[in-house]
Amino acid sequence: MNSQGWIRGIMAKNMETKKFITHVMTCLQREFGVLTDNCISGQYIYISLGQYETMITMFEAKNKQARSAYALDKHILEKLKEEGFEFDVMRSQYIMNCYNIY
């Protein structure tokens, strides 16, 4: 695993879920060059990436965060893909990490 993956693993294990979600959204914004937003309302997290929107529960986010360093990113990307967002999984090292492509 490269050093960024190692650092991400430490972040996933030690960050509060709300802060980790904000970090993930910042990564997605940098990767795709579009504005992102997230709104936490009770147990629901509303996420937008450009014109695409989705929702996950805080429970799902915590489980993904606990599972692996990039599981939450991949989950969000898959939900956005269902909404029509398109991208190449070989686009960058970050996206490849999300999809466990080494």
PDB file of N, CA and C in Angstrom:
ATOM      1  N   MET A   1       0.860  -1.187   0.000  1.00  0.00           N
ATOM      2  CA  MET A   1       0.000   0.000   0.000  1.00  0.00           C
ATOM      3  C   MET A   1       0.894   1.234   0.000  1.00  0.00           C
ATOM      4  N   ASN A   2       0.557   2.219  -0.781  1.00  0.00           N
ATOM      5  CA  ASN A   2       1.363   3.427  -0.812  1.00  0.00           C
ATOM      6  C   ASN A   2       1.133   4.257   0.452  1.00  0.00           C
ATOM      7  N   SER A   3       1.945   5.271   0.664  1.00  0.00           N
ATOM      8  CA  SER A   3       1.862   6.051   1.905  1.00  0.00           C
ATOM      9  C   SER A   3       0.533   6.775   2.046  1.00  0.00           C
ATOM     10  N   GLN A   4      -0.059   7.215   0.941  1.00  0.00           N
ATOM     11  CA  GLN A   4      -1.348   7.886   1.032  1.00  0.00           C
ATOM     12  C   GLN A   4      -2.430   6.918   1.501  1.00  0.00           C
ATOM     13  N   GLY A   5      -2.385   5.686   1.037  1.00  0.00           N
ATOM     14  CA  GLY A   5      -3.333   4.678   1.481  1.00  0.00           C
ATOM     15  C   GLY A   5      -3.175   4.371   2.955  1.00  0.00           C
ATOM     16  N   TRP A   6      -1.942   4.338   3.414  1.00  0.00           N
ATOM     17  CA  TRP A   6      -1.646   4.086   4.819  1.00  0.00           C
ATOM     18  C   TRP A   6      -2.197   5.220   5.679  1.00  0.00           C
ATOM     19  N   ILE A   7      -1.960   6.442   5.255  1.00  0.00           N
ATOM     20  CA  ILE A   7      -2.466   7.609   5.988  1.00  0.00           C
ATOM     21  C   ILE A   7      -3.990   7.605   5.986  1.00  0.00           C
ATOM     22  N   ARG A   8      -4.601   7.295   4.841  1.00  0.00           N
ATOM     23  CA  ARG A   8      -6.062   7.249   4.751  1.00  0.00           C
ATOM     24  C   ARG A   8      -6.621   6.203   5.713  1.00  0.00           C
ATOM     25  N   GLY A   9      -5.938   5.086   5.842  1.00  0.00           N
ATOM     26  CA  GLY A   9      -6.358   4.042   6.769  1.00  0.00           C
ATOM     27  C   GLY A   9      -6.377   4.529   8.204  1.00  0.00           C
ATOM     28  N   ILE A  10      -5.341   5.263   8.573  1.00  0.00           N
ATOM     29  CA  ILE A  10      -5.286   5.830   9.925  1.00  0.00           C
ATOM     30  C   ILE A  10      -6.419   6.829  10.121  1.00  0.00           C
ATOM     31  N   MET A  11      -6.673   7.656   9.114  1.00  0.00           N
ATOM     32  CA  MET A  11      -7.771   8.633   9.203  1.00  0.00           C
ATOM     33  C   MET A  11      -9.113   7.929   9.367  1.00  0.00           C
ATOM     34  N   ALA A  12      -9.342   6.885   8.581  1.00  0.00           N
ATOM     35  CA  ALA A  12     -10.619   6.169   8.635  1.00  0.00           C
ATOM     36  C   ALA A  12     -10.848   5.557  10.017  1.00  0.00           C
ATOM     37  N   LYS A  13      -9.796   5.069  10.627  1.00  0.00           N
ATOM     38  CA  LYS A  13      -9.933   4.428  11.939  1.00  0.00           C
ATOM     39  C   LYS A  13     -10.066   5.416  13.087  1.00  0.00           C
ATOM     40  N   ASN A  14      -9.576   6.641  12.912  1.00  0.00           N
ATOM     41  CA  ASN A  14      -9.514   7.564  14.039  1.00  0.00           C
ATOM     42  C   ASN A  14     -10.391   8.806  13.946  1.00  0.00           C
ATOM     43  N   MET A  15     -10.886   9.144  12.772  1.00  0.00           N
ATOM     44  CA  MET A  15     -11.684  10.361  12.620  1.00  0.00           C
ATOM     45  C   MET A  15     -13.140  10.116  12.985  1.00  0.00           C
ATOM     46  N   GLU A  16     -13.751  11.136  13.532  1.00  0.00           N
ATOM     47  CA  GLU A  16     -15.195  11.115  13.727  1.00  0.00           C
ATOM     48  C   GLU A  16     -15.842  11.016  12.343  1.00  0.00           C
ATOM     49  N   THR A  17     -16.949  10.310  12.232  1.00  0.00           N
ATOM     50  CA  THR A  17     -17.578  10.049  10.939  1.00  0.00           C
ATOM     51  C   THR A  17     -17.930  11.330  10.193  1.00  0.00           C
ATOM     52  N   LYS A  18     -18.463  12.334  10.876  1.00  0.00           N
ATOM     53  CA  LYS A  18     -18.829  13.584  10.198  1.00  0.00           C
ATOM     54  C   LYS A  18     -17.604  14.242   9.566  1.00  0.00           C
ATOM     55  N   LYS A  19     -16.482  14.245  10.265  1.00  0.00           N
ATOM     56  CA  LYS A  19     -15.261  14.835   9.717  1.00  0.00           C
ATOM     57  C   LYS A  19     -14.716  13.992   8.570  1.00  0.00           C
ATOM     58  N   PHE A  20     -14.842  12.677   8.695  1.00  0.00           N
ATOM     59  CA  PHE A  20     -14.364  11.798   7.638  1.00  0.00           C
ATOM     60  C   PHE A  20     -15.185  11.998   6.366  1.00  0.00           C
ATOM     61  N   ILE A  21     -16.486  12.162   6.499  1.00  0.00           N
ATOM     62  CA  ILE A  21     -17.348  12.428   5.343  1.00  0.00           C
ATOM     63  C   ILE A  21     -16.910  13.718   4.651  1.00  0.00           C
ATOM     64  N   THR A  22     -16.627  14.747   5.435  1.00  0.00           N
ATOM     65  CA  THR A  22     -16.167  16.012   4.873  1.00  0.00           C
ATOM     66  C   THR A  22     -14.853  15.810   4.117  1.00  0.00           C
ATOM     67  N   HIS A  23     -13.957  15.011   4.671  1.00  0.00           N
ATOM     68  CA  HIS A  23     -12.681  14.729   3.999  1.00  0.00           C
ATOM     69  C   HIS A  23     -12.920  14.003   2.674  1.00  0.00           C
ATOM     70  N   VAL A  24     -13.786  12.998   2.686  1.00  0.00           N
ATOM     71  CA  VAL A  24     -14.096  12.246   1.466  1.00  0.00           C
ATOM     72  C   VAL A  24     -14.666  13.186   0.406  1.00  0.00           C
ATOM     73  N   MET A  25     -15.563  14.064   0.805  1.00  0.00           N
ATOM     74  CA  MET A  25     -16.166  14.992  -0.155  1.00  0.00           C
ATOM     75  C   MET A  25     -15.122  15.950  -0.728  1.00  0.00           C
ATOM     76  N   THR A  26     -14.172  16.365   0.085  1.00  0.00           N
ATOM     77  CA  THR A  26     -13.085  17.222  -0.394  1.00  0.00           C
ATOM     78  C   THR A  26     -12.246  16.466  -1.430  1.00  0.00           C
ATOM     79  N   CYS A  27     -11.974  15.199  -1.172  1.00  0.00           N
ATOM     80  CA  CYS A  27     -11.215  14.378  -2.128  1.00  0.00           C
ATOM     81  C   CYS A  27     -11.964  14.257  -3.451  1.00  0.00           C
ATOM     82  N   LEU A  28     -13.262  14.014  -3.379  1.00  0.00           N
ATOM     83  CA  LEU A  28     -14.061  13.895  -4.606  1.00  0.00           C
ATOM     84  C   LEU A  28     -14.105  15.214  -5.372  1.00  0.00           C
ATOM     85  N   GLN A  29     -14.203  16.318  -4.643  1.00  0.00           N
ATOM     86  CA  GLN A  29     -14.219  17.634  -5.291  1.00  0.00           C
ATOM     87  C   GLN A  29     -12.914  17.881  -6.022  1.00  0.00           C
ATOM     88  N   ARG A  30     -11.801  17.572  -5.395  1.00  0.00           N
ATOM     89  CA  ARG A  30     -10.496  17.751  -6.039  1.00  0.00           C
ATOM     90  C   ARG A  30     -10.339  16.834  -7.242  1.00  0.00           C
ATOM     91  N   GLU A  31     -10.791  15.609  -7.094  1.00  0.00           N
ATOM     92  CA  GLU A  31     -10.634  14.623  -8.174  1.00  0.00           C
ATOM     93  C   GLU A  31     -11.401  15.011  -9.427  1.00  0.00           C
ATOM     94  N   PHE A  32     -12.647  15.434  -9.261  1.00  0.00           N
ATOM     95  CA  PHE A  32     -13.499  15.672 -10.421  1.00  0.00           C
ATOM     96  C   PHE A  32     -13.630  17.151 -10.787  1.00  0.00           C
ATOM     97  N   GLY A  33     -13.103  18.040  -9.969  1.00  0.00           N
ATOM     98  CA  GLY A  33     -13.130  19.461 -10.296  1.00  0.00           C
ATOM     99  C   GLY A  33     -14.526  20.062 -10.321  1.00  0.00           C
ATOM    100  N   VAL A  34     -15.420  19.515  -9.545  1.00  0.00           N
ATOM    101  CA  VAL A  34     -16.785  20.054  -9.438  1.00  0.00           C
ATOM    102  C   VAL A  34     -17.106  20.287  -7.965  1.00  0.00           C
ATOM    103  N   LEU A  35     -18.030  21.174  -7.725  1.00  0.00           N
ATOM    104  CA  LEU A  35     -18.402  21.459  -6.342  1.00  0.00           C
ATOM    105  C   LEU A  35     -19.113  20.276  -5.717  1.00  0.00           C
ATOM    106  N   THR A  36     -18.808  20.044  -4.461  1.00  0.00           N
ATOM    107  CA  THR A  36     -19.475  19.003  -3.702  1.00  0.00           C
ATOM    108  C   THR A  36     -20.142  19.638  -2.499  1.00  0.00           C
ATOM    109  N   ASP A  37     -21.104  18.945  -1.969  1.00  0.00           N
ATOM    110  CA  ASP A  37     -21.768  19.415  -0.758  1.00  0.00           C
ATOM    111  C   ASP A  37     -22.303  18.206  -0.016  1.00  0.00           C
ATOM    112  N   ASN A  38     -22.358  18.324   1.290  1.00  0.00           N
ATOM    113  CA  ASN A  38     -23.012  17.294   2.075  1.00  0.00           C
ATOM    114  C   ASN A  38     -23.766  17.976   3.195  1.00  0.00           C
ATOM    115  N   CYS A  39     -24.906  17.437   3.498  1.00  0.00           N
ATOM    116  CA  CYS A  39     -25.772  17.967   4.536  1.00  0.00           C
ATOM    117  C   CYS A  39     -26.187  16.802   5.418  1.00  0.00           C
ATOM    118  N   ILE A  40     -25.883  16.916   6.684  1.00  0.00           N
ATOM    119  CA  ILE A  40     -26.251  15.859   7.613  1.00  0.00           C
ATOM    120  C   ILE A  40     -27.506  16.310   8.345  1.00  0.00           C
ATOM    121  N   SER A  41     -28.548  15.525   8.183  1.00  0.00           N
ATOM    122  CA  SER A  41     -29.842  15.829   8.797  1.00  0.00           C
ATOM    123  C   SER A  41     -30.303  14.595   9.558  1.00  0.00           C
ATOM    124  N   GLY A  42     -30.152  14.628  10.856  1.00  0.00           N
ATOM    125  CA  GLY A  42     -30.500  13.462  11.660  1.00  0.00           C
ATOM    126  C   GLY A  42     -29.584  12.308  11.310  1.00  0.00           C
ATOM    127  N   GLN A  43     -30.155  11.200  10.883  1.00  0.00           N
ATOM    128  CA  GLN A  43     -29.369  10.023  10.528  1.00  0.00           C
ATOM    129  C   GLN A  43     -29.114   9.913   9.018  1.00  0.00           C
ATOM    130  N   TYR A  44     -29.448  10.962   8.281  1.00  0.00           N
ATOM    131  CA  TYR A  44     -29.272  10.933   6.822  1.00  0.00           C
ATOM    132  C   TYR A  44     -28.211  11.929   6.389  1.00  0.00           C
ATOM    133  N   ILE A  45     -27.453  11.524   5.379  1.00  0.00           N
ATOM    134  CA  ILE A  45     -26.426  12.387   4.812  1.00  0.00           C
ATOM    135  C   ILE A  45     -26.783  12.571   3.341  1.00  0.00           C
ATOM    136  N   TYR A  46     -27.054  13.805   2.970  1.00  0.00           N
ATOM    137  CA  TYR A  46     -27.374  14.134   1.587  1.00  0.00           C
ATOM    138  C   TYR A  46     -26.095  14.624   0.932  1.00  0.00           C
ATOM    139  N   ILE A  47     -25.762  14.039  -0.194  1.00  0.00           N
ATOM    140  CA  ILE A  47     -24.484  14.294  -0.862  1.00  0.00           C
ATOM    141  C   ILE A  47     -24.738  14.755  -2.287  1.00  0.00           C
ATOM    142  N   SER A  48     -24.015  15.788  -2.703  1.00  0.00           N
ATOM    143  CA  SER A  48     -24.094  16.197  -4.105  1.00  0.00           C
ATOM    144  C   SER A  48     -22.680  16.359  -4.657  1.00  0.00           C
ATOM    145  N   LEU A  49     -22.539  15.960  -5.898  1.00  0.00           N
ATOM    146  CA  LEU A  49     -21.291  16.111  -6.641  1.00  0.00           C
ATOM    147  C   LEU A  49     -21.694  16.703  -7.974  1.00  0.00           C
ATOM    148  N   GLY A  50     -21.472  17.999  -8.123  1.00  0.00           N
ATOM    149  CA  GLY A  50     -21.962  18.683  -9.311  1.00  0.00           C
ATOM    150  C   GLY A  50     -23.478  18.627  -9.317  1.00  0.00           C
ATOM    151  N   GLN A  51     -24.049  18.145 -10.411  1.00  0.00           N
ATOM    152  CA  GLN A  51     -25.503  18.076 -10.540  1.00  0.00           C
ATOM    153  C   GLN A  51     -26.081  16.765 -10.005  1.00  0.00           C
ATOM    154  N   TYR A  52     -25.236  15.846  -9.562  1.00  0.00           N
ATOM    155  CA  TYR A  52     -25.679  14.529  -9.121  1.00  0.00           C
ATOM    156  C   TYR A  52     -25.840  14.506  -7.599  1.00  0.00           C
ATOM    157  N   GLU A  53     -26.907  13.878  -7.156  1.00  0.00           N
ATOM    158  CA  GLU A  53     -27.195  13.831  -5.718  1.00  0.00           C
ATOM    159  C   GLU A  53     -27.556  12.421  -5.288  1.00  0.00           C
ATOM    160  N   THR A  54     -27.219  12.113  -4.056  1.00  0.00           N
ATOM    161  CA  THR A  54     -27.589  10.837  -3.463  1.00  0.00           C
ATOM    162  C   THR A  54     -27.699  11.016  -1.958  1.00  0.00           C
ATOM    163  N   MET A  55     -28.079   9.946  -1.280  1.00  0.00           N
ATOM    164  CA  MET A  55     -28.240   9.979   0.158  1.00  0.00           C
ATOM    165  C   MET A  55     -27.766   8.650   0.740  1.00  0.00           C
ATOM    166  N   ILE A  56     -27.129   8.716   1.894  1.00  0.00           N
ATOM    167  CA  ILE A  56     -26.788   7.517   2.650  1.00  0.00           C
ATOM    168  C   ILE A  56     -27.134   7.789   4.104  1.00  0.00           C
ATOM    169  N   THR A  57     -27.191   6.742   4.883  1.00  0.00           N
ATOM    170  CA  THR A  57     -27.463   6.925   6.309  1.00  0.00           C
ATOM    171  C   THR A  57     -26.145   7.039   7.067  1.00  0.00           C
ATOM    172  N   MET A  58     -26.207   7.620   8.232  1.00  0.00           N
ATOM    173  CA  MET A  58     -25.025   7.724   9.083  1.00  0.00           C
ATOM    174  C   MET A  58     -24.534   6.310   9.436  1.00  0.00           C
ATOM    175  N   PHE A  59     -25.460   5.383   9.641  1.00  0.00           N
ATOM    176  CA  PHE A  59     -25.106   3.998   9.944  1.00  0.00           C
ATOM    177  C   PHE A  59     -24.282   3.398   8.805  1.00  0.00           C
ATOM    178  N   GLU A  60     -24.727   3.587   7.549  1.00  0.00           N
ATOM    179  CA  GLU A  60     -23.980   3.091   6.390  1.00  0.00           C
ATOM    180  C   GLU A  60     -22.592   3.713   6.333  1.00  0.00           C
ATOM    181  N   ALA A  61     -22.530   5.031   6.550  1.00  0.00           N
ATOM    182  CA  ALA A  61     -21.251   5.742   6.480  1.00  0.00           C
ATOM    183  C   ALA A  61     -20.278   5.210   7.535  1.00  0.00           C
ATOM    184  N   LYS A  62     -20.765   5.005   8.757  1.00  0.00           N
ATOM    185  CA  LYS A  62     -19.902   4.482   9.825  1.00  0.00           C
ATOM    186  C   LYS A  62     -19.412   3.083   9.489  1.00  0.00           C
ATOM    187  N   ASN A  63     -20.300   2.249   8.955  1.00  0.00           N
ATOM    188  CA  ASN A  63     -19.902   0.883   8.586  1.00  0.00           C
ATOM    189  C   ASN A  63     -18.863   0.885   7.483  1.00  0.00           C
ATOM    190  N   LYS A  64     -19.054   1.718   6.471  1.00  0.00           N
ATOM    191  CA  LYS A  64     -18.089   1.791   5.366  1.00  0.00           C
ATOM    192  C   LYS A  64     -16.748   2.318   5.869  1.00  0.00           C
ATOM    193  N   GLN A  65     -16.793   3.328   6.721  1.00  0.00           N
ATOM    194  CA  GLN A  65     -15.569   3.899   7.278  1.00  0.00           C
ATOM    195  C   GLN A  65     -14.799   2.843   8.072  1.00  0.00           C
ATOM    196  N   ALA A  66     -15.512   2.013   8.824  1.00  0.00           N
ATOM    197  CA  ALA A  66     -14.877   0.978   9.633  1.00  0.00           C
ATOM    198  C   ALA A  66     -14.355  -0.181   8.783  1.00  0.00           C
ATOM    199  N   ARG A  67     -14.987  -0.418   7.627  1.00  0.00           N
ATOM    200  CA  ARG A  67     -14.613  -1.548   6.786  1.00  0.00           C
ATOM    201  C   ARG A  67     -13.239  -1.371   6.165  1.00  0.00           C
ATOM    202  N   SER A  68     -13.033  -0.232   5.488  1.00  0.00           N
ATOM    203  CA  SER A  68     -11.724   0.017   4.881  1.00  0.00           C
ATOM    204  C   SER A  68     -11.567   1.504   4.573  1.00  0.00           C
ATOM    205  N   ALA A  69     -10.347   1.880   4.252  1.00  0.00           N
ATOM    206  CA  ALA A  69      -9.995   3.293   4.077  1.00  0.00           C
ATOM    207  C   ALA A  69     -10.777   3.981   2.962  1.00  0.00           C
ATOM    208  N   TYR A  70     -11.110   3.261   1.888  1.00  0.00           N
ATOM    209  CA  TYR A  70     -11.771   3.867   0.738  1.00  0.00           C
ATOM    210  C   TYR A  70     -13.180   3.336   0.493  1.00  0.00           C
ATOM    211  N   ALA A  71     -13.721   2.541   1.406  1.00  0.00           N
ATOM    212  CA  ALA A  71     -15.044   1.937   1.208  1.00  0.00           C
ATOM    213  C   ALA A  71     -16.141   2.991   1.116  1.00  0.00           C
ATOM    214  N   LEU A  72     -16.058   4.050   1.904  1.00  0.00           N
ATOM    215  CA  LEU A  72     -17.073   5.100   1.850  1.00  0.00           C
ATOM    216  C   LEU A  72     -17.011   5.838   0.515  1.00  0.00           C
ATOM    217  N   ASP A  73     -15.824   6.128   0.045  1.00  0.00           N
ATOM    218  CA  ASP A  73     -15.658   6.785  -1.258  1.00  0.00           C
ATOM    219  C   ASP A  73     -16.296   5.949  -2.358  1.00  0.00           C
ATOM    220  N   LYS A  74     -15.986   4.656  -2.359  1.00  0.00           N
ATOM    221  CA  LYS A  74     -16.520   3.768  -3.386  1.00  0.00           C
ATOM    222  C   LYS A  74     -18.043   3.705  -3.303  1.00  0.00           C
ATOM    223  N   HIS A  75     -18.573   3.623  -2.099  1.00  0.00           N
ATOM    224  CA  HIS A  75     -20.022   3.565  -1.923  1.00  0.00           C
ATOM    225  C   HIS A  75     -20.692   4.811  -2.505  1.00  0.00           C
ATOM    226  N   ILE A  76     -20.124   5.967  -2.197  1.00  0.00           N
ATOM    227  CA  ILE A  76     -20.671   7.225  -2.727  1.00  0.00           C
ATOM    228  C   ILE A  76     -20.571   7.246  -4.244  1.00  0.00           C
ATOM    229  N   LEU A  77     -19.426   6.849  -4.786  1.00  0.00           N
ATOM    230  CA  LEU A  77     -19.255   6.826  -6.240  1.00  0.00           C
ATOM    231  C   LEU A  77     -20.252   5.878  -6.904  1.00  0.00           C
ATOM    232  N   GLU A  78     -20.486   4.733  -6.309  1.00  0.00           N
ATOM    233  CA  GLU A  78     -21.441   3.776  -6.872  1.00  0.00           C
ATOM    234  C   GLU A  78     -22.864   4.328  -6.831  1.00  0.00           C
ATOM    235  N   LYS A  79     -23.226   4.993  -5.742  1.00  0.00           N
ATOM    236  CA  LYS A  79     -24.558   5.593  -5.648  1.00  0.00           C
ATOM    237  C   LYS A  79     -24.715   6.706  -6.687  1.00  0.00           C
ATOM    238  N   LEU A  80     -23.660   7.509  -6.889  1.00  0.00           N
ATOM    239  CA  LEU A  80     -23.710   8.579  -7.887  1.00  0.00           C
ATOM    240  C   LEU A  80     -23.753   8.003  -9.302  1.00  0.00           C
ATOM    241  N   LYS A  81     -23.075   6.881  -9.512  1.00  0.00           N
ATOM    242  CA  LYS A  81     -23.103   6.216 -10.813  1.00  0.00           C
ATOM    243  C   LYS A  81     -24.533   5.781 -11.144  1.00  0.00           C
ATOM    244  N   GLU A  82     -25.279   5.327 -10.143  1.00  0.00           N
ATOM    245  CA  GLU A  82     -26.683   4.955 -10.339  1.00  0.00           C
ATOM    246  C   GLU A  82     -27.519   6.153 -10.782  1.00  0.00           C
ATOM    247  N   GLU A  83     -27.086   7.350 -10.399  1.00  0.00           N
ATOM    248  CA  GLU A  83     -27.785   8.587 -10.769  1.00  0.00           C
ATOM    249  C   GLU A  83     -27.345   9.127 -12.135  1.00  0.00           C
ATOM    250  N   GLY A  84     -26.376   8.457 -12.762  1.00  0.00           N
ATOM    251  CA  GLY A  84     -25.936   8.877 -14.087  1.00  0.00           C
ATOM    252  C   GLY A  84     -24.539   9.470 -14.152  1.00  0.00           C
ATOM    253  N   PHE A  85     -23.866   9.609 -13.028  1.00  0.00           N
ATOM    254  CA  PHE A  85     -22.511  10.142 -13.011  1.00  0.00           C
ATOM    255  C   PHE A  85     -21.576   9.122 -13.663  1.00  0.00           C
ATOM    256  N   GLU A  86     -20.759   9.578 -14.595  1.00  0.00           N
ATOM    257  CA  GLU A  86     -19.868   8.680 -15.323  1.00  0.00           C
ATOM    258  C   GLU A  86     -18.407   9.039 -15.076  1.00  0.00           C
ATOM    259  N   PHE A  87     -17.589   8.001 -14.933  1.00  0.00           N
ATOM    260  CA  PHE A  87     -16.152   8.183 -14.756  1.00  0.00           C
ATOM    261  C   PHE A  87     -15.464   6.872 -15.073  1.00  0.00           C
ATOM    262  N   ASP A  88     -14.180   6.945 -15.340  1.00  0.00           N
ATOM    263  CA  ASP A  88     -13.367   5.769 -15.632  1.00  0.00           C
ATOM    264  C   ASP A  88     -12.675   5.330 -14.340  1.00  0.00           C
ATOM    265  N   VAL A  89     -12.796   4.067 -13.965  1.00  0.00           N
ATOM    266  CA  VAL A  89     -12.168   3.591 -12.729  1.00  0.00           C
ATOM    267  C   VAL A  89     -10.645   3.602 -12.814  1.00  0.00           C
ATOM    268  N   MET A  90     -10.097   3.739 -14.010  1.00  0.00           N
ATOM    269  CA  MET A  90      -8.648   3.837 -14.181  1.00  0.00           C
ATOM    270  C   MET A  90      -8.196   5.295 -14.269  1.00  0.00           C
ATOM    271  N   ARG A  91      -9.064   6.205 -13.931  1.00  0.00           N
ATOM    272  CA  ARG A  91      -8.846   7.644 -14.055  1.00  0.00           C
ATOM    273  C   ARG A  91      -7.630   8.138 -13.279  1.00  0.00           C
ATOM    274  N   SER A  92      -7.448   7.658 -12.056  1.00  0.00           N
ATOM    275  CA  SER A  92      -6.355   8.137 -11.212  1.00  0.00           C
ATOM    276  C   SER A  92      -6.049   7.113 -10.124  1.00  0.00           C
ATOM    277  N   GLN A  93      -4.944   7.318  -9.440  1.00  0.00           N
ATOM    278  CA  GLN A  93      -4.572   6.427  -8.337  1.00  0.00           C
ATOM    279  C   GLN A  93      -5.646   6.457  -7.249  1.00  0.00           C
ATOM    280  N   TYR A  94      -6.211   7.616  -6.979  1.00  0.00           N
ATOM    281  CA  TYR A  94      -7.257   7.734  -5.963  1.00  0.00           C
ATOM    282  C   TYR A  94      -8.467   6.858  -6.307  1.00  0.00           C
ATOM    283  N   ILE A  95      -8.974   6.956  -7.521  1.00  0.00           N
ATOM    284  CA  ILE A  95     -10.147   6.169  -7.925  1.00  0.00           C
ATOM    285  C   ILE A  95      -9.779   4.684  -7.955  1.00  0.00           C
ATOM    286  N   MET A  96      -8.590   4.357  -8.401  1.00  0.00           N
ATOM    287  CA  MET A  96      -8.151   2.968  -8.401  1.00  0.00           C
ATOM    288  C   MET A  96      -8.087   2.427  -6.976  1.00  0.00           C
ATOM    289  N   ASN A  97      -7.651   3.245  -6.018  1.00  0.00           N
ATOM    290  CA  ASN A  97      -7.655   2.829  -4.613  1.00  0.00           C
ATOM    291  C   ASN A  97      -9.081   2.563  -4.132  1.00  0.00           C
ATOM    292  N   CYS A  98     -10.013   3.382  -4.538  1.00  0.00           N
ATOM    293  CA  CYS A  98     -11.419   3.203  -4.150  1.00  0.00           C
ATOM    294  C   CYS A  98     -11.935   1.847  -4.622  1.00  0.00           C
ATOM    295  N   TYR A  99     -11.485   1.417  -5.789  1.00  0.00           N
ATOM    296  CA  TYR A  99     -11.955   0.168  -6.389  1.00  0.00           C
ATOM    297  C   TYR A  99     -10.965  -0.989  -6.210  1.00  0.00           C
ATOM    298  N   ASN A 100      -9.997  -0.813  -5.318  1.00  0.00           N
ATOM    299  CA  ASN A 100      -8.995  -1.849  -5.030  1.00  0.00           C
ATOM    300  C   ASN A 100      -8.290  -2.357  -6.281  1.00  0.00           C
ATOM    301  N   ILE A 101      -7.939  -1.453  -7.170  1.00  0.00           N
ATOM    302  CA  ILE A 101      -7.187  -1.792  -8.371  1.00  0.00           C
ATOM    303  C   ILE A 101      -5.745  -1.353  -8.121  1.00  0.00           C
ATOM    304  N   TYR A 102      -4.848  -2.318  -8.078  1.00  0.00           N
ATOM    305  CA  TYR A 102      -3.448  -2.002  -7.768  1.00  0.00           C
ATOM    306  C   TYR A 102      -2.537  -2.360  -8.902  1.00  0.00           C
TER     307      TYR A 102
END
